[in-house]
Amino acid sequence: TQMIAEEDKAGVSRMVAHSVATTPTQVAHINEFIMAAHDENPGRIIPFAALHPDTPEMESVIQGIVAAGFKGVKLHPDFQEFQLDEPRALRMFSLIADAKLPVLIHTGDYRYDHSNPGRMAHLLDEIPNLTAICAHLAGWSVYDEARRVLAGRDVYVDTSSSLYTLTPAHAAELIRAFGVKRVMFGTDYPMWTPSEEVERLEALPLTDAEKEQIYHVTAEELLG
């Protein structure tokens, strides 16, 4: 309810909602909660499922995620303590790709080695049919490395938890390096409110058409 109120305040009509399962046992509970929120807010919430690389009977769980109507999967290698390109992760990502589900992945952190842009590049090499959305402009806190390694590749990125730390000129430069048709607006709520993130995006030296693309067109094209 609080999230919906914050989205209303910012003028956001639809949002992708997701959470992170830090243990395999949390997966089912989180997914039930997200789908209940989706059902209670018709037309507002686009549900992304939680998953964990140690989830038992992974193939069957992913089939259930698709059957339930989830539009994608959310993973956070740093919190879930796995490396993007280690064998158990590659097996999971291969099943996600085969199910044709886009996956939103926390990417980058100078403090850890789980999800850095180099590992993301290796993951994409190994599983080229994966639709990856690399959160935080593809590399939280290592933005220029992310651009160097991942710009021009077949990936999407979002703007969540990034604009607060970048100058408007630097942020716009990174966005254009990935291409606005590959960029989606994100908030990382409750880290930031939607209103704060709208304000930050509005401050970027981008055209109105580029902002429209980022606010909703890219997501509509990707998620239908």
Foldseek 3Di string as FASTA:
>chain_A
DVQVVLCVVQVHQADEDEDEDLDLVCQVVRQVVQLVVCVVRDPHYQYAGYHALPHPPLLVVVVVCVVSRHQAHEYECVSNVAACQDPSNLVNQQSRLVSVHAYEYAAADPVDRRHYLVSVLVSCVSRVSHAYEHECLRYVVPNVVNLVRPQPHNYAYENEPHLVVDDLAVVVVSCVSNNLLRYAYDHPPPVPGSNVSVVSPVPHPDDPVSVVSHHPVSVVVSRD
